[in-house]
Every structure is written in structure tokens, then in C-alpha cells.
Amino acid sequence: MYDVAIIGTGPAAISAALNLKLHNKSIIWFGPAEMSRKVEKSEKIANYPGVPMVKGPELNKLFADQAEEMGLEIQDKMVTAITKTKKGYMVLGDNDIFDARTVLLAIGAASAKGYPGEEKLLGSGVSYCATCDGYLYKGKTVAVYCGDKRFEHEVKYLAELAEKVILFAPYKDIETDLPENVVRGEKPIKEIHGEMKVSSIRLTDGTEISVDGVFILRNSVAPATLMRGLETEGAHIAVDRNMKTNKEGCFAAGDCTGRPYQIAKAVGEGNIAAHSIVEYLSELEKKEREE
């Protein structure tokens, strides 16, 4: 069991990871290996102390180099569920389960709202993980929202199982060598329909398409879906000044806790969260010795 599971690889996450490493805590770290896409796409960053007018890719590389120098490793896995257990948390990353005493959510600001019907039908035809649930759709028709090119290998995997894959993507440079049974959706998905299980999707032009399942491949899952019972304030995770959430042993930092969406703020919150986690683990170990 790890001391901490960190979800996300942006500035808040690396700030926390560095501090936790210095405190000799065991860490399992999930997220894109290329670190923060938000930082990477920034043309110039003028308000990060000590690094004036730095380009986004340069700062992102500095973060990655420092993580590597400290011996921190990133698990390039999509976390789709976090469940409270007696001794901590169970984290589902792709198709693997990891156990940790504490969790730090540094998942960034929600980039998109869920579809109507998505949460209701989650687990009943809606899935966030192709390798986890793809086998359920052998010979069937599925719709796939692919929010990032890094998930295109999952589209190919689904194409090997399903009879037909209807692909929806918000970007244009989709891989051209996708299998023949993958077809592009002409309009974006508007909502997902079904009573006990998924039956169809409706597109923004009103077209309704019968499907057996819907795979939604985003860079992050909405906080309230990721962890049931997690308190939120709108699209953000509710935290106190110590970055504690309403769930014991669960902390959050960075853009996911609210504005301002700035790197300096995220780094500061990551630092606070790390120290709060160290204190929490110390208190936990003390209680365990007394029992």
C-alpha cells in the first residue's frame, strides 16, 4: 500500500510530489507522462516567480526534468474510480487496482460538462475505460467520444471487438489508419438515452442513433463521478485552507479547487496539500500504534 496516490501531472501535482518525496513518502502518481497540457500550450508565462517570461513548453520541461531527477515516476493510466476502504483508498487506473492510504486530486479544471444521461447510465452502457469494459461489446455497436489523441489506441482496441464504432472527436487530425469499422460521427453527441441501459445517442442536429454502449475517453473524470460523495462547489472540489476535502484522507489542489487558474496558485496549493498529507499520515501512524 502506498502512502499517497496523486491524480494528475500538472503544477499542483508535481509540487506535491516533490515535497512528499523529500518527506520519504511512497507515491503512486497517475496522469499523462508529458505533464501539463495547459502549461505546454501557454505561449508565454509572465507571472511565475523566478522564471520571467518563460514559454510554456520550457516550463513544462523544467517540471518534467525535476521530477525525473528526484526519481519520481508517472503511471500513464487513466483513473476512472476512487473508492474509500477501511485502510485508505482503492484507485482504479485503466484496468489495474492500486491501494493508498491517502489521495491527492490534482486533476485540473473540468474541461467539459458531462452529457445528459451520462451519470445516470454509468456502468449500464456508459464506460470511461475501453480496456476494462470493451469485451462486453463483442459484435455490437458502440459510440466513442475520444477527447484526446492519446486515447486513439483504445478506439482501435474497441474496433477489434465491436462490429461498428462510431467515433466522435473534438480535434481534426484523427489518425488515418483506423480500422474500416470505425466511422466518424457527423455531428457532436448531445445526449445519451436509455432507461435501465444505454439504447441510443442523440446528436446536436437531432439525429438519433441506436447503440449498445458509449465509451467516453476524456483526460479526467468529473470529481463527483470519480469519487462518490465528494463535496463539490459547482464544477470545483470543496476544500479548506489545508486542502482537505470532506473525505477523510482525501486532499485536492490546483485548478480543480477553483479560481484563479494560475500556475503559481496551483504550485502553492500542491505544497500545502503535501504538508497536510504528511501531518495526516503522522497522526494515522500514531493512532495505529496506540490501538
C-alpha atoms as a PDB file:
ATOM      1  CA  MET A   1       0.000   0.000   0.000  1.00  0.00           C
ATOM      2  CA  TYR A   2       1.327   3.426  -0.991  1.00  0.00           C
ATOM      3  CA  ASP A   3       1.286   6.402   1.339  1.00  0.00           C
ATOM      4  CA  VAL A   4      -0.173   8.672  -1.346  1.00  0.00           C
ATOM      5  CA  ALA A   5      -1.894   8.340  -4.709  1.00  0.00           C
ATOM      6  CA  ILE A   6      -1.580  11.531  -6.759  1.00  0.00           C
ATOM      7  CA  ILE A   7      -4.035  12.005  -9.631  1.00  0.00           C
ATOM      8  CA  GLY A   8      -2.850  14.486 -12.258  1.00  0.00           C
ATOM      9  CA  THR A   9       0.524  15.666 -13.536  1.00  0.00           C
ATOM     10  CA  GLY A  10       0.125  19.443 -13.602  1.00  0.00           C
ATOM     11  CA  PRO A  11       1.889  22.072 -11.448  1.00  0.00           C
ATOM     12  CA  ALA A  12      -0.078  21.266  -8.273  1.00  0.00           C
ATOM     13  CA  ALA A  13       0.699  17.575  -8.632  1.00  0.00           C
ATOM     14  CA  ILE A  14       4.427  17.986  -9.201  1.00  0.00           C
ATOM     15  CA  SER A  15       4.692  20.485  -6.326  1.00  0.00           C
ATOM     16  CA  ALA A  16       3.065  17.950  -4.004  1.00  0.00           C
ATOM     17  CA  ALA A  17       5.042  15.018  -5.392  1.00  0.00           C
ATOM     18  CA  LEU A  18       8.394  16.761  -4.855  1.00  0.00           C
ATOM     19  CA  ASN A  19       7.551  17.665  -1.264  1.00  0.00           C
ATOM     20  CA  LEU A  20       6.205  14.214  -0.451  1.00  0.00           C
ATOM     21  CA  LYS A  21       9.322  12.623  -1.944  1.00  0.00           C
ATOM     22  CA  LEU A  22      11.500  14.824   0.276  1.00  0.00           C
ATOM     23  CA  HIS A  23       9.493  13.516   3.246  1.00  0.00           C
ATOM     24  CA  ASN A  24      10.240   9.925   2.161  1.00  0.00           C
ATOM     25  CA  LYS A  25       6.618   9.061   1.423  1.00  0.00           C
ATOM     26  CA  SER A  26       5.814   6.277  -1.048  1.00  0.00           C
ATOM     27  CA  ILE A  27       3.926   7.668  -4.030  1.00  0.00           C
ATOM     28  CA  ILE A  28       1.907   6.253  -6.906  1.00  0.00           C
ATOM     29  CA  TRP A  29       1.438   9.037  -9.469  1.00  0.00           C
ATOM     30  CA  PHE A  30      -1.110   8.939 -12.306  1.00  0.00           C
ATOM     31  CA  GLY A  31      -1.511  11.103 -15.375  1.00  0.00           C
ATOM     32  CA  PRO A  32      -0.136  11.975 -18.821  1.00  0.00           C
ATOM     33  CA  ALA A  33       3.625  11.410 -18.991  1.00  0.00           C
ATOM     34  CA  GLU A  34       4.003  14.664 -20.945  1.00  0.00           C
ATOM     35  CA  MET A  35       2.881  16.566 -17.832  1.00  0.00           C
ATOM     36  CA  SER A  36       0.535  19.572 -18.132  1.00  0.00           C
ATOM     37  CA  ARG A  37      -1.093  20.267 -21.498  1.00  0.00           C
ATOM     38  CA  LYS A  38      -2.280  23.619 -20.173  1.00  0.00           C
ATOM     39  CA  VAL A  39       1.301  24.659 -19.409  1.00  0.00           C
ATOM     40  CA  GLU A  40       2.575  23.156 -22.672  1.00  0.00           C
ATOM     41  CA  LYS A  41       0.131  25.238 -24.737  1.00  0.00           C
ATOM     42  CA  SER A  42       0.927  28.513 -22.950  1.00  0.00           C
ATOM     43  CA  GLU A  43       2.754  30.886 -25.302  1.00  0.00           C
ATOM     44  CA  LYS A  44       4.400  32.892 -22.509  1.00  0.00           C
ATOM     45  CA  ILE A  45       4.092  32.852 -18.730  1.00  0.00           C
ATOM     46  CA  ALA A  46       4.968  36.180 -17.136  1.00  0.00           C
ATOM     47  CA  ASN A  47       3.791  35.796 -13.526  1.00  0.00           C
ATOM     48  CA  TYR A  48       5.653  32.712 -12.286  1.00  0.00           C
ATOM     49  CA  PRO A  49       8.163  33.915  -9.665  1.00  0.00           C
ATOM     50  CA  GLY A  50      11.819  33.415 -10.508  1.00  0.00           C
ATOM     51  CA  VAL A  51      11.204  32.360 -14.117  1.00  0.00           C
ATOM     52  CA  PRO A  52      10.316  35.567 -16.030  1.00  0.00           C
ATOM     53  CA  MET A  53       8.619  35.364 -19.448  1.00  0.00           C
ATOM     54  CA  VAL A  54       9.110  31.636 -19.827  1.00  0.00           C
ATOM     55  CA  LYS A  55       7.484  29.718 -22.656  1.00  0.00           C
ATOM     56  CA  GLY A  56       5.041  27.009 -21.683  1.00  0.00           C
ATOM     57  CA  PRO A  57       6.987  24.094 -23.225  1.00  0.00           C
ATOM     58  CA  GLU A  58      10.154  25.283 -21.464  1.00  0.00           C
ATOM     59  CA  LEU A  59       8.492  25.401 -18.052  1.00  0.00           C
ATOM     60  CA  ASN A  60       6.832  22.047 -18.638  1.00  0.00           C
ATOM     61  CA  LYS A  61      10.236  20.540 -19.436  1.00  0.00           C
ATOM     62  CA  LEU A  62      11.695  22.022 -16.253  1.00  0.00           C
ATOM     63  CA  PHE A  63       8.906  20.339 -14.277  1.00  0.00           C
ATOM     64  CA  ALA A  64       9.490  17.002 -16.028  1.00  0.00           C
ATOM     65  CA  ASP A  65      13.275  17.176 -15.602  1.00  0.00           C
ATOM     66  CA  GLN A  66      12.973  17.930 -11.896  1.00  0.00           C
ATOM     67  CA  ALA A  67      10.557  15.043 -11.381  1.00  0.00           C
ATOM     68  CA  GLU A  68      12.936  12.688 -13.162  1.00  0.00           C
ATOM     69  CA  GLU A  69      15.922  13.979 -11.166  1.00  0.00           C
ATOM     70  CA  MET A  70      14.017  13.247  -7.950  1.00  0.00           C
ATOM     71  CA  GLY A  71      13.273   9.710  -9.089  1.00  0.00           C
ATOM     72  CA  LEU A  72       9.530  10.281  -9.464  1.00  0.00           C
ATOM     73  CA  GLU A  73       7.754   8.001 -11.940  1.00  0.00           C
ATOM     74  CA  ILE A  74       4.421   8.637 -13.627  1.00  0.00           C
ATOM     75  CA  GLN A  75       1.904   5.912 -14.361  1.00  0.00           C
ATOM     76  CA  ASP A  76       0.342   6.935 -17.688  1.00  0.00           C
ATOM     77  CA  LYS A  77      -3.020   5.478 -16.706  1.00  0.00           C
ATOM     78  CA  MET A  78      -6.500   6.962 -16.748  1.00  0.00           C
ATOM     79  CA  VAL A  79      -8.025   6.925 -13.261  1.00  0.00           C
ATOM     80  CA  THR A  80     -11.744   6.299 -13.542  1.00  0.00           C
ATOM     81  CA  ALA A  81     -12.784   5.497  -9.968  1.00  0.00           C
ATOM     82  CA  ILE A  82     -11.566   6.035  -6.397  1.00  0.00           C
ATOM     83  CA  THR A  83     -13.246   4.149  -3.562  1.00  0.00           C
ATOM     84  CA  LYS A  84     -12.839   4.560   0.206  1.00  0.00           C
ATOM     85  CA  THR A  85     -11.663   1.444   2.006  1.00  0.00           C
ATOM     86  CA  LYS A  86     -11.074   0.604   5.649  1.00  0.00           C
ATOM     87  CA  LYS A  87      -7.374   1.497   5.475  1.00  0.00           C
ATOM     88  CA  GLY A  88      -7.413   4.185   2.806  1.00  0.00           C
ATOM     89  CA  TYR A  89      -8.430   4.256  -0.845  1.00  0.00           C
ATOM     90  CA  MET A  90      -8.650   1.909  -3.806  1.00  0.00           C
ATOM     91  CA  VAL A  91      -7.719   3.575  -7.096  1.00  0.00           C
ATOM     92  CA  LEU A  92      -8.731   2.120 -10.456  1.00  0.00           C
ATOM     93  CA  GLY A  93      -6.180   3.081 -13.113  1.00  0.00           C
ATOM     94  CA  ASP A  94      -7.084   1.670 -16.536  1.00  0.00           C
ATOM     95  CA  ASN A  95      -7.698  -1.967 -15.624  1.00  0.00           C
ATOM     96  CA  ASP A  96      -5.422  -2.106 -12.566  1.00  0.00           C
ATOM     97  CA  ILE A  97      -6.188  -1.538  -8.878  1.00  0.00           C
ATOM     98  CA  PHE A  98      -3.849   0.326  -6.519  1.00  0.00           C
ATOM     99  CA  ASP A  99      -4.157   0.883  -2.777  1.00  0.00           C
ATOM    100  CA  ALA A 100      -3.093   4.061  -0.979  1.00  0.00           C
ATOM    101  CA  ARG A 101      -3.554   5.479   2.491  1.00  0.00           C
ATOM    102  CA  THR A 102      -4.307   8.952   1.126  1.00  0.00           C
ATOM    103  CA  VAL A 103      -5.305  10.540  -2.186  1.00  0.00           C
ATOM    104  CA  LEU A 104      -4.440  13.908  -3.723  1.00  0.00           C
ATOM    105  CA  LEU A 105      -6.721  15.092  -6.515  1.00  0.00           C
ATOM    106  CA  ALA A 106      -4.878  17.489  -8.822  1.00  0.00           C
ATOM    107  CA  ILE A 107      -6.997  16.840 -11.898  1.00  0.00           C
ATOM    108  CA  GLY A 108      -7.261  20.375 -13.248  1.00  0.00           C
ATOM    109  CA  ALA A 109     -10.370  22.347 -14.078  1.00  0.00           C
ATOM    110  CA  ALA A 110     -13.233  20.419 -15.639  1.00  0.00           C
ATOM    111  CA  SER A 111     -12.788  20.959 -19.378  1.00  0.00           C
ATOM    112  CA  ALA A 112     -16.229  19.730 -20.358  1.00  0.00           C
ATOM    113  CA  LYS A 113     -19.609  19.072 -18.833  1.00  0.00           C
ATOM    114  CA  GLY A 114     -20.923  15.564 -18.868  1.00  0.00           C
ATOM    115  CA  TYR A 115     -23.600  14.591 -21.353  1.00  0.00           C
ATOM    116  CA  PRO A 116     -27.208  14.405 -20.187  1.00  0.00           C
ATOM    117  CA  GLY A 117     -27.739  10.745 -19.310  1.00  0.00           C
ATOM    118  CA  GLU A 118     -24.020  10.063 -18.774  1.00  0.00           C
ATOM    119  CA  GLU A 119     -24.005   9.830 -14.994  1.00  0.00           C
ATOM    120  CA  LYS A 120     -27.358   8.020 -14.842  1.00  0.00           C
ATOM    121  CA  LEU A 121     -26.161   5.283 -17.226  1.00  0.00           C
ATOM    122  CA  LEU A 122     -22.595   4.970 -15.960  1.00  0.00           C
ATOM    123  CA  GLY A 123     -21.989   1.254 -15.545  1.00  0.00           C
ATOM    124  CA  SER A 124     -25.105   0.480 -17.592  1.00  0.00           C
ATOM    125  CA  GLY A 125     -23.704   1.065 -21.039  1.00  0.00           C
ATOM    126  CA  VAL A 126     -21.592   4.150 -20.333  1.00  0.00           C
ATOM    127  CA  SER A 127     -17.921   3.472 -19.639  1.00  0.00           C
ATOM    128  CA  TYR A 128     -14.740   5.516 -19.212  1.00  0.00           C
ATOM    129  CA  CYS A 129     -12.352   2.614 -19.890  1.00  0.00           C
ATOM    130  CA  ALA A 130     -12.155   0.644 -23.144  1.00  0.00           C
ATOM    131  CA  THR A 131      -9.742  -1.987 -21.849  1.00  0.00           C
ATOM    132  CA  CYS A 132     -11.928  -2.524 -18.776  1.00  0.00           C
ATOM    133  CA  ASP A 133     -15.303  -2.970 -20.467  1.00  0.00           C
ATOM    134  CA  GLY A 134     -14.654  -3.446 -24.175  1.00  0.00           C
ATOM    135  CA  TYR A 135     -15.129  -7.220 -24.013  1.00  0.00           C
ATOM    136  CA  LEU A 136     -18.795  -6.640 -23.151  1.00  0.00           C
ATOM    137  CA  TYR A 137     -19.419  -5.284 -26.652  1.00  0.00           C
ATOM    138  CA  LYS A 138     -18.127  -8.030 -28.937  1.00  0.00           C
ATOM    139  CA  GLY A 139     -20.052  -7.868 -32.197  1.00  0.00           C
ATOM    140  CA  LYS A 140     -22.057  -4.845 -31.087  1.00  0.00           C
ATOM    141  CA  THR A 141     -22.269  -1.150 -31.985  1.00  0.00           C
ATOM    142  CA  VAL A 142     -20.649   1.433 -29.735  1.00  0.00           C
ATOM    143  CA  ALA A 143     -20.217   5.197 -29.795  1.00  0.00           C
ATOM    144  CA  VAL A 144     -16.888   6.611 -28.647  1.00  0.00           C
ATOM    145  CA  TYR A 145     -16.081  10.157 -27.603  1.00  0.00           C
ATOM    146  CA  CYS A 146     -12.286  10.448 -27.913  1.00  0.00           C
ATOM    147  CA  GLY A 147     -11.250  13.698 -26.245  1.00  0.00           C
ATOM    148  CA  ASP A 148      -7.532  13.389 -26.924  1.00  0.00           C
ATOM    149  CA  LYS A 149      -5.253  11.671 -29.459  1.00  0.00           C
ATOM    150  CA  ARG A 150      -3.613   9.714 -26.620  1.00  0.00           C
ATOM    151  CA  PHE A 151      -6.777   7.591 -26.440  1.00  0.00           C
ATOM    152  CA  GLU A 152      -6.865   6.573 -30.104  1.00  0.00           C
ATOM    153  CA  HIS A 153      -5.237   3.241 -29.280  1.00  0.00           C
ATOM    154  CA  GLU A 154      -8.348   2.492 -27.187  1.00  0.00           C
ATOM    155  CA  VAL A 155     -10.531   3.254 -30.216  1.00  0.00           C
ATOM    156  CA  LYS A 156      -8.533   0.676 -32.192  1.00  0.00           C
ATOM    157  CA  TYR A 157      -8.927  -1.813 -29.363  1.00  0.00           C
ATOM    158  CA  LEU A 158     -12.701  -1.363 -29.371  1.00  0.00           C
ATOM    159  CA  ALA A 159     -12.738  -1.753 -33.164  1.00  0.00           C
ATOM    160  CA  GLU A 160     -11.184  -5.203 -32.746  1.00  0.00           C
ATOM    161  CA  LEU A 161     -14.144  -6.253 -30.597  1.00  0.00           C
ATOM    162  CA  ALA A 162     -17.188  -4.341 -31.778  1.00  0.00           C
ATOM    163  CA  GLU A 163     -18.945  -4.742 -35.105  1.00  0.00           C
ATOM    164  CA  LYS A 164     -19.118  -0.957 -35.523  1.00  0.00           C
ATOM    165  CA  VAL A 165     -17.504   2.002 -33.753  1.00  0.00           C
ATOM    166  CA  ILE A 166     -18.937   5.497 -34.248  1.00  0.00           C
ATOM    167  CA  LEU A 167     -16.171   7.935 -33.386  1.00  0.00           C
ATOM    168  CA  PHE A 168     -16.676  11.491 -32.124  1.00  0.00           C
ATOM    169  CA  ALA A 169     -13.636  13.705 -31.550  1.00  0.00           C
ATOM    170  CA  PRO A 170     -13.239  17.451 -30.920  1.00  0.00           C
ATOM    171  CA  TYR A 171     -10.000  17.658 -32.958  1.00  0.00           C
ATOM    172  CA  LYS A 172      -9.333  17.294 -36.701  1.00  0.00           C
ATOM    173  CA  ASP A 173      -6.056  15.370 -37.017  1.00  0.00           C
ATOM    174  CA  ILE A 174      -7.517  11.955 -36.281  1.00  0.00           C
ATOM    175  CA  GLU A 175      -5.308   9.034 -37.215  1.00  0.00           C
ATOM    176  CA  THR A 176      -5.977   7.949 -40.793  1.00  0.00           C
ATOM    177  CA  ASP A 177      -5.209   4.237 -40.402  1.00  0.00           C
ATOM    178  CA  LEU A 178      -8.148   3.429 -38.138  1.00  0.00           C
ATOM    179  CA  PRO A 179      -9.910   0.133 -38.907  1.00  0.00           C
ATOM    180  CA  GLU A 180     -12.651   0.099 -41.552  1.00  0.00           C
ATOM    181  CA  ASN A 181     -15.401  -0.487 -38.997  1.00  0.00           C
ATOM    182  CA  VAL A 182     -14.663   2.899 -37.396  1.00  0.00           C
ATOM    183  CA  VAL A 183     -16.837   5.661 -38.837  1.00  0.00           C
ATOM    184  CA  ARG A 184     -16.839   9.343 -37.973  1.00  0.00           C
ATOM    185  CA  GLY A 185     -19.880  10.873 -36.308  1.00  0.00           C
ATOM    186  CA  GLU A 186     -21.093  13.737 -38.475  1.00  0.00           C
ATOM    187  CA  LYS A 187     -22.274  15.937 -35.587  1.00  0.00           C
ATOM    188  CA  PRO A 188     -21.309  16.044 -31.875  1.00  0.00           C
ATOM    189  CA  ILE A 189     -23.134  13.988 -29.263  1.00  0.00           C
ATOM    190  CA  LYS A 190     -25.814  15.962 -27.425  1.00  0.00           C
ATOM    191  CA  GLU A 191     -27.209  13.370 -25.008  1.00  0.00           C
ATOM    192  CA  ILE A 192     -27.264   9.692 -24.125  1.00  0.00           C
ATOM    193  CA  HIS A 193     -30.593   7.836 -23.924  1.00  0.00           C
ATOM    194  CA  GLY A 194     -31.714   4.700 -22.135  1.00  0.00           C
ATOM    195  CA  GLU A 195     -33.747   3.514 -19.172  1.00  0.00           C
ATOM    196  CA  MET A 196     -32.013   0.565 -17.488  1.00  0.00           C
ATOM    197  CA  LYS A 197     -29.155   0.597 -20.036  1.00  0.00           C
ATOM    198  CA  VAL A 198     -27.912   2.658 -22.993  1.00  0.00           C
ATOM    199  CA  SER A 199     -30.141   2.408 -26.047  1.00  0.00           C
ATOM    200  CA  SER A 200     -29.146   5.371 -28.229  1.00  0.00           C
ATOM    201  CA  ILE A 201     -27.381   8.708 -28.557  1.00  0.00           C
ATOM    202  CA  ARG A 202     -28.842  11.932 -29.901  1.00  0.00           C
ATOM    203  CA  LEU A 203     -26.645  14.300 -31.905  1.00  0.00           C
ATOM    204  CA  THR A 204     -26.767  18.098 -31.932  1.00  0.00           C
ATOM    205  CA  ASP A 205     -28.702  18.087 -35.230  1.00  0.00           C
ATOM    206  CA  GLY A 206     -31.423  15.912 -33.683  1.00  0.00           C
ATOM    207  CA  THR A 207     -30.306  12.637 -35.277  1.00  0.00           C
ATOM    208  CA  GLU A 208     -30.807   9.615 -33.021  1.00  0.00           C
ATOM    209  CA  ILE A 209     -28.507   6.597 -33.414  1.00  0.00           C
ATOM    210  CA  SER A 210     -29.083   3.217 -31.780  1.00  0.00           C
ATOM    211  CA  VAL A 211     -26.002   1.973 -29.912  1.00  0.00           C
ATOM    212  CA  ASP A 212     -25.298  -0.743 -27.367  1.00  0.00           C
ATOM    213  CA  GLY A 213     -22.763   1.286 -25.394  1.00  0.00           C
ATOM    214  CA  VAL A 214     -20.968   4.617 -25.125  1.00  0.00           C
ATOM    215  CA  PHE A 215     -17.288   4.996 -24.255  1.00  0.00           C
ATOM    216  CA  ILE A 216     -16.260   8.449 -23.051  1.00  0.00           C
ATOM    217  CA  LEU A 217     -12.488   8.890 -23.176  1.00  0.00           C
ATOM    218  CA  ARG A 218     -11.558  12.192 -21.542  1.00  0.00           C
ATOM    219  CA  ASN A 219      -8.365  13.288 -19.787  1.00  0.00           C
ATOM    220  CA  SER A 220     -10.202  13.391 -16.482  1.00  0.00           C
ATOM    221  CA  VAL A 221     -13.466  12.296 -14.955  1.00  0.00           C
ATOM    222  CA  ALA A 222     -15.762  14.795 -13.209  1.00  0.00           C
ATOM    223  CA  PRO A 223     -14.810  14.954  -9.494  1.00  0.00           C
ATOM    224  CA  ALA A 224     -18.219  13.847  -8.186  1.00  0.00           C
ATOM    225  CA  THR A 225     -18.158  10.859 -10.556  1.00  0.00           C
ATOM    226  CA  LEU A 226     -14.546   9.999  -9.797  1.00  0.00           C
ATOM    227  CA  MET A 227     -15.270   9.708  -6.068  1.00  0.00           C
ATOM    228  CA  ARG A 228     -18.811   9.191  -4.862  1.00  0.00           C
ATOM    229  CA  GLY A 229     -19.825  11.528  -2.033  1.00  0.00           C
ATOM    230  CA  LEU A 230     -17.057  14.047  -2.715  1.00  0.00           C
ATOM    231  CA  GLU A 231     -18.323  17.537  -1.898  1.00  0.00           C
ATOM    232  CA  THR A 232     -18.173  19.998  -4.758  1.00  0.00           C
ATOM    233  CA  GLU A 233     -18.967  23.664  -5.286  1.00  0.00           C
ATOM    234  CA  GLY A 234     -20.210  23.864  -8.842  1.00  0.00           C
ATOM    235  CA  ALA A 235     -17.531  22.273 -11.030  1.00  0.00           C
ATOM    236  CA  HIS A 236     -14.874  22.568  -8.308  1.00  0.00           C
ATOM    237  CA  ILE A 237     -13.852  20.373  -5.384  1.00  0.00           C
ATOM    238  CA  ALA A 238     -14.615  21.936  -1.996  1.00  0.00           C
ATOM    239  CA  VAL A 239     -11.535  22.193   0.243  1.00  0.00           C
ATOM    240  CA  ASP A 240     -10.477  24.004   3.417  1.00  0.00           C
ATOM    241  CA  ARG A 241      -7.279  26.028   3.849  1.00  0.00           C
ATOM    242  CA  ASN A 242      -5.310  22.821   4.362  1.00  0.00           C
ATOM    243  CA  MET A 243      -6.588  21.454   1.032  1.00  0.00           C
ATOM    244  CA  LYS A 244      -8.672  18.825   2.823  1.00  0.00           C
ATOM    245  CA  THR A 245     -11.886  17.618   1.187  1.00  0.00           C
ATOM    246  CA  ASN A 246     -14.925  16.279   3.044  1.00  0.00           C
ATOM    247  CA  LYS A 247     -13.494  12.770   2.648  1.00  0.00           C
ATOM    248  CA  GLU A 248     -11.017  11.741   5.332  1.00  0.00           C
ATOM    249  CA  GLY A 249      -7.563  11.239   3.855  1.00  0.00           C
ATOM    250  CA  CYS A 250      -8.503  12.880   0.537  1.00  0.00           C
ATOM    251  CA  PHE A 251      -6.982  16.219  -0.472  1.00  0.00           C
ATOM    252  CA  ALA A 252      -7.239  18.398  -3.583  1.00  0.00           C
ATOM    253  CA  ALA A 253      -5.113  21.144  -5.115  1.00  0.00           C
ATOM    254  CA  GLY A 254      -4.781  23.266  -8.247  1.00  0.00           C
ATOM    255  CA  ASP A 255      -7.356  24.338 -10.806  1.00  0.00           C
ATOM    256  CA  CYS A 256      -9.828  21.681  -9.625  1.00  0.00           C
ATOM    257  CA  THR A 257     -10.338  23.666  -6.387  1.00  0.00           C
ATOM    258  CA  GLY A 258     -11.332  26.878  -8.178  1.00  0.00           C
ATOM    259  CA  ARG A 259     -10.038  30.176  -9.484  1.00  0.00           C
ATOM    260  CA  PRO A 260      -7.639  31.764 -10.140  1.00  0.00           C
ATOM    261  CA  TYR A 261      -6.464  29.205 -12.700  1.00  0.00           C
ATOM    262  CA  GLN A 262      -2.810  30.143 -12.363  1.00  0.00           C
ATOM    263  CA  ILE A 263       0.365  28.076 -12.109  1.00  0.00           C
ATOM    264  CA  ALA A 264       1.671  29.901  -9.045  1.00  0.00           C
ATOM    265  CA  LYS A 265      -1.574  29.268  -7.177  1.00  0.00           C
ATOM    266  CA  ALA A 266      -1.544  25.583  -8.147  1.00  0.00           C
ATOM    267  CA  VAL A 267       2.061  25.110  -7.016  1.00  0.00           C
ATOM    268  CA  GLY A 268       1.279  26.754  -3.677  1.00  0.00           C
ATOM    269  CA  GLU A 269      -1.760  24.568  -3.093  1.00  0.00           C
ATOM    270  CA  GLY A 270       0.240  21.473  -4.005  1.00  0.00           C
ATOM    271  CA  ASN A 271       2.802  22.413  -1.380  1.00  0.00           C
ATOM    272  CA  ILE A 272       0.117  22.933   1.275  1.00  0.00           C
ATOM    273  CA  ALA A 273      -1.566  19.641   0.363  1.00  0.00           C
ATOM    274  CA  ALA A 274       1.725  17.758   0.662  1.00  0.00           C
ATOM    275  CA  HIS A 275       2.371  19.077   4.167  1.00  0.00           C
ATOM    276  CA  SER A 276      -1.223  18.344   5.189  1.00  0.00           C
ATOM    277  CA  ILE A 277      -0.813  14.780   3.929  1.00  0.00           C
ATOM    278  CA  VAL A 278       2.441  14.354   5.869  1.00  0.00           C
ATOM    279  CA  GLU A 279       0.683  15.533   9.058  1.00  0.00           C
ATOM    280  CA  TYR A 280      -2.307  13.282   8.400  1.00  0.00           C
ATOM    281  CA  LEU A 281      -0.113  10.225   7.871  1.00  0.00           C
ATOM    282  CA  SER A 282       1.818  11.010  11.052  1.00  0.00           C
ATOM    283  CA  GLU A 283      -1.414  11.197  13.052  1.00  0.00           C
ATOM    284  CA  LEU A 284      -2.661   7.997  11.418  1.00  0.00           C
ATOM    285  CA  GLU A 285       0.504   6.109  12.321  1.00  0.00           C
ATOM    286  CA  LYS A 286       0.262   7.374  15.891  1.00  0.00           C
ATOM    287  CA  LYS A 287      -3.339   6.101  16.213  1.00  0.00           C
ATOM    288  CA  GLU A 288      -2.355   2.721  14.770  1.00  0.00           C
ATOM    289  CA  ARG A 289       0.457   2.349  17.336  1.00  0.00           C
ATOM    290  CA  GLU A 290      -1.941   3.145  20.192  1.00  0.00           C
ATOM    291  CA  GLU A 291      -4.541   0.603  19.065  1.00  0.00           C
END
